[in-house]
Protein backbone atom coordinates (compact mmCIF):
# COMPACT_ATOMS: atom_id res chain seq x y z
CA UNK A 1 0.00 0.00 0.00
CA UNK A 2 2.75 2.49 0.94
CA UNK A 3 4.70 1.66 -2.25
CA UNK A 4 1.61 2.31 -4.38
CA UNK A 5 1.01 5.61 -2.58
CA UNK A 6 4.67 6.60 -3.05
CA UNK A 7 4.48 5.76 -6.79
CA UNK A 8 1.32 7.83 -7.18
CA UNK A 9 2.90 10.77 -5.42
CA UNK A 10 6.00 10.56 -7.62
CA UNK A 11 3.89 10.36 -10.80
CA UNK A 12 1.80 13.35 -9.65
CA UNK A 13 4.99 15.29 -8.81
CA UNK A 14 6.50 14.53 -12.22
CA UNK A 15 3.26 15.47 -14.00
CA UNK A 16 2.89 18.68 -11.93
CA UNK A 17 6.48 19.79 -12.67
CA UNK A 18 6.02 19.09 -16.39
CA UNK A 19 2.76 21.07 -16.56
CA UNK A 20 4.22 24.01 -14.58
CA UNK A 21 7.22 24.12 -16.90
CA UNK A 22 4.92 24.69 -19.87
CA UNK A 23 2.69 27.17 -18.05
CA UNK A 24 5.31 29.55 -16.65
CA UNK A 25 7.30 29.84 -19.87
CA UNK A 26 7.21 33.03 -21.89
CA UNK A 27 8.51 34.24 -25.24
CA UNK A 28 11.41 36.61 -25.62
CA UNK A 29 12.04 38.30 -28.93
CA UNK A 30 15.79 37.95 -29.47
CA UNK A 31 15.79 39.35 -33.02
CA UNK A 32 14.52 42.85 -32.21
CA UNK A 33 16.28 43.66 -28.95
CA UNK A 34 16.25 47.23 -27.63
CA UNK A 35 19.19 47.95 -25.36
CA UNK A 36 18.88 51.02 -23.15
CA UNK A 37 21.56 52.77 -21.09
CA UNK A 38 21.53 55.25 -18.21
CA UNK A 39 24.74 56.85 -16.97
CA UNK A 40 26.70 53.55 -17.32
CA UNK A 41 27.26 53.66 -13.61
CA UNK A 42 27.96 50.39 -11.78
CA UNK A 43 25.42 49.59 -9.08
CA UNK A 44 22.79 52.09 -10.28
CA UNK A 45 20.14 49.35 -10.64
CA UNK A 46 19.18 50.78 -14.03
CA UNK A 47 16.00 48.93 -15.05
CA UNK A 48 14.83 48.19 -11.51
CA UNK A 49 11.42 49.55 -12.49
CA UNK A 50 9.94 50.26 -15.92
CA UNK A 51 6.88 52.08 -17.19
CA UNK A 52 5.69 52.37 -20.80
CA UNK A 53 3.53 55.14 -22.22
CA UNK A 54 2.74 57.18 -25.33
CA UNK A 55 3.51 60.90 -25.53
CA UNK A 56 0.76 62.51 -27.63
CA UNK A 57 2.74 65.75 -28.05
CA UNK A 58 5.70 64.03 -29.72
CA UNK A 59 3.75 61.05 -31.11
CA UNK A 60 6.36 58.70 -29.66
CA UNK A 61 6.40 55.77 -27.29
CA UNK A 62 8.25 56.47 -24.07
CA UNK A 63 9.91 53.92 -21.83
CA UNK A 64 10.49 55.22 -18.31
CA UNK A 65 13.34 53.45 -16.55
CA UNK A 66 14.18 53.73 -12.87
CA UNK A 67 17.78 53.65 -11.63
CA UNK A 68 17.16 53.98 -7.87
CA UNK A 69 20.83 53.77 -6.84
CA UNK A 70 22.17 56.16 -9.49
CA UNK A 71 23.95 59.39 -8.76
CA UNK A 72 22.36 62.54 -10.17
CA UNK A 73 24.70 65.08 -11.81
CA UNK A 74 22.26 67.86 -10.82
CA UNK A 75 22.75 66.90 -7.14
CA UNK A 76 26.52 66.38 -6.83
CA UNK A 77 26.54 66.58 -3.01
CA UNK A 78 23.79 63.99 -2.57
CA UNK A 79 24.97 60.37 -2.73
CA UNK A 80 22.84 58.05 -4.87
CA UNK A 81 19.43 59.75 -4.73
CA UNK A 82 18.16 57.76 -7.73
CA UNK A 83 17.20 58.84 -11.22
CA UNK A 84 14.32 58.25 -13.64
CA UNK A 85 15.16 58.16 -17.34
CA UNK A 86 12.81 58.73 -20.28
CA UNK A 87 13.84 56.70 -23.30
CA UNK A 88 12.51 57.47 -26.78
CA UNK A 89 13.38 56.30 -30.29
CA UNK A 90 14.35 58.39 -33.27
CA UNK A 91 14.82 56.41 -36.49
CA UNK A 92 15.15 53.16 -34.52
CA UNK A 93 17.91 54.57 -32.28
CA UNK A 94 16.92 54.74 -28.61
CA UNK A 95 18.16 57.57 -26.42
CA UNK A 96 17.61 57.90 -22.66
CA UNK A 97 17.66 61.24 -20.86
CA UNK A 98 17.36 61.99 -17.16
CA UNK A 99 14.14 63.58 -15.95
CA UNK A 100 14.50 66.57 -13.63
CA UNK A 101 11.75 65.65 -11.22
CA UNK A 102 12.83 67.80 -8.27
CA UNK A 103 11.78 71.46 -8.36
CA UNK A 104 14.54 74.01 -7.78
CA UNK A 105 12.51 75.36 -4.85
CA UNK A 106 12.61 71.83 -3.42
CA UNK A 107 16.39 71.73 -3.29
CA UNK A 108 17.20 73.75 -0.19
CA UNK A 109 19.60 72.13 2.27
CA UNK A 110 17.11 70.55 4.67
CA UNK A 111 15.30 68.85 1.77
CA UNK A 112 18.57 67.65 0.23
CA UNK A 113 19.18 65.56 3.33
CA UNK A 114 16.02 63.65 2.44
CA UNK A 115 17.47 62.64 -0.92
CA UNK A 116 20.48 60.62 0.32
CA UNK A 117 20.01 57.04 -0.88
CA UNK A 118 16.29 57.78 -1.35
CA UNK A 119 15.68 55.32 -4.23
CA UNK A 120 13.91 57.70 -6.62
CA UNK A 121 12.66 55.48 -9.45
CA UNK A 122 12.24 52.47 -7.19
CA UNK A 123 8.65 52.24 -8.40
CA UNK A 124 7.12 53.64 -11.60
CA UNK A 125 3.60 53.48 -12.98
CA UNK A 126 2.11 55.03 -16.12
CA UNK A 127 -1.67 55.25 -16.12
CA UNK A 128 -3.91 54.72 -19.15
CA UNK A 129 -4.51 58.49 -19.15
CA UNK A 130 -0.72 59.08 -19.38
CA UNK A 131 -0.10 60.23 -15.84
CA UNK A 132 3.25 59.08 -14.48
CA UNK A 133 3.89 58.28 -10.82
CA UNK A 134 7.31 57.45 -9.43
CA UNK A 135 8.44 57.13 -5.84
CA UNK A 136 11.48 57.38 -3.58
CA UNK A 137 10.48 55.14 -0.69
CA UNK A 138 13.68 55.65 1.31
CA UNK A 139 13.68 59.44 1.49
CA UNK A 140 13.63 60.60 5.07
CA UNK A 141 12.51 63.56 7.09
CA UNK A 142 15.58 65.49 8.21
CA UNK A 143 13.87 66.43 11.48
CA UNK A 144 13.23 62.91 12.77
CA UNK A 145 15.20 60.70 10.32
CA UNK A 146 12.26 58.37 9.71
CA UNK A 147 11.93 56.94 6.21
CA UNK A 148 8.85 58.89 5.21
CA UNK A 149 9.09 58.27 1.48
CA UNK A 150 7.76 60.52 -1.25
CA UNK A 151 6.05 60.08 -4.61
CA UNK A 152 5.87 62.34 -7.63
CA UNK A 153 3.15 62.56 -10.25
CA UNK A 154 3.29 64.37 -13.60
CA UNK A 155 1.75 64.19 -17.10
CA UNK A 156 3.70 62.07 -19.58
CA UNK A 157 3.22 64.84 -22.16
CA UNK A 158 5.40 67.17 -20.04
CA UNK A 159 8.52 65.04 -20.60
CA UNK A 160 11.34 66.16 -20.59
CA UNK A 161 10.44 69.34 -18.64
CA UNK A 162 8.50 67.76 -15.81
CA UNK A 163 9.82 69.72 -12.81
CA UNK A 164 7.20 72.46 -13.21
CA UNK A 165 4.22 70.11 -13.28
CA UNK A 166 5.19 67.66 -10.53
CA UNK A 167 2.70 66.94 -7.79
CA UNK A 168 4.38 65.58 -4.66
CA UNK A 169 3.02 63.16 -2.06
CA UNK A 170 4.94 62.62 1.17
CA UNK A 171 4.49 59.91 3.76
CA UNK A 172 4.08 60.83 7.40
CA UNK A 173 6.03 58.53 9.64
CA UNK A 174 4.73 59.68 13.01
CA UNK A 175 6.44 57.32 15.43
CA UNK A 176 7.79 55.13 12.62
CA UNK A 177 4.35 53.96 11.47
CA UNK A 178 4.86 54.65 7.78
CA UNK A 179 8.21 53.21 6.69
CA UNK A 180 8.54 52.57 2.98
CA UNK A 181 5.83 54.93 1.67
CA UNK A 182 6.16 54.55 -2.09
CA UNK A 183 7.53 51.03 -2.30
CA UNK A 184 4.77 50.47 -4.86
CA UNK A 185 2.46 52.79 -6.74
CA UNK A 186 -0.66 52.19 -8.84
CA UNK A 187 -3.87 53.89 -9.98
CA UNK A 188 -7.43 52.72 -9.52
CA UNK A 189 -9.50 52.49 -12.66
CA UNK A 190 -13.22 52.87 -13.26
CA UNK A 191 -13.91 52.09 -16.90
CA UNK A 192 -11.22 54.02 -18.77
CA UNK A 193 -10.86 56.78 -16.19
CA UNK A 194 -8.00 56.73 -13.69
CA UNK A 195 -9.40 57.89 -10.39
CA UNK A 196 -7.07 57.63 -7.38
CA UNK A 197 -3.40 57.03 -6.87
CA UNK A 198 -2.61 54.12 -4.55
CA UNK A 199 0.75 54.25 -2.81
CA UNK A 200 2.06 51.23 -0.94
């Protein structure tokens, strides 16, 4: 009896593994590969998060790529704040440029402390109505050093000049209750209308 049970379990296990192998497979197009680059900086985690949208103003597809451990040339005194790149194609040649998400008014010294290792671009989402949300879940509040996190929202059509149209959401970590605000970001959808931003 135990040998028959063991044989049945082994046959089920073999069958299950075979079926799962066929189910979880996916196709990769190796003939038409698009290779994108950020600052060619080791350890930047370029490609950690990706969002795809269509810019109606330029009539081009846009691939947004997060590099949450990248240095930002615009913030030379801030180590690895993270960067979001917008990649577009011109005559089948892809070019990626850094988005200036932070407003100049946002860059005074107390706010710069928040940006150290903040992981901007750690999560990216592009809604069906072409609104982009990206977060820096490790930014902290310089007054209490809690990881409050912050998220930024802007229209895809404003790329590359997004700093003037950015809407900012900040977590409130009162007594460390909100660590990691912005680890994930998504929009709710009713029909074809995006309604609310959901920040995890």
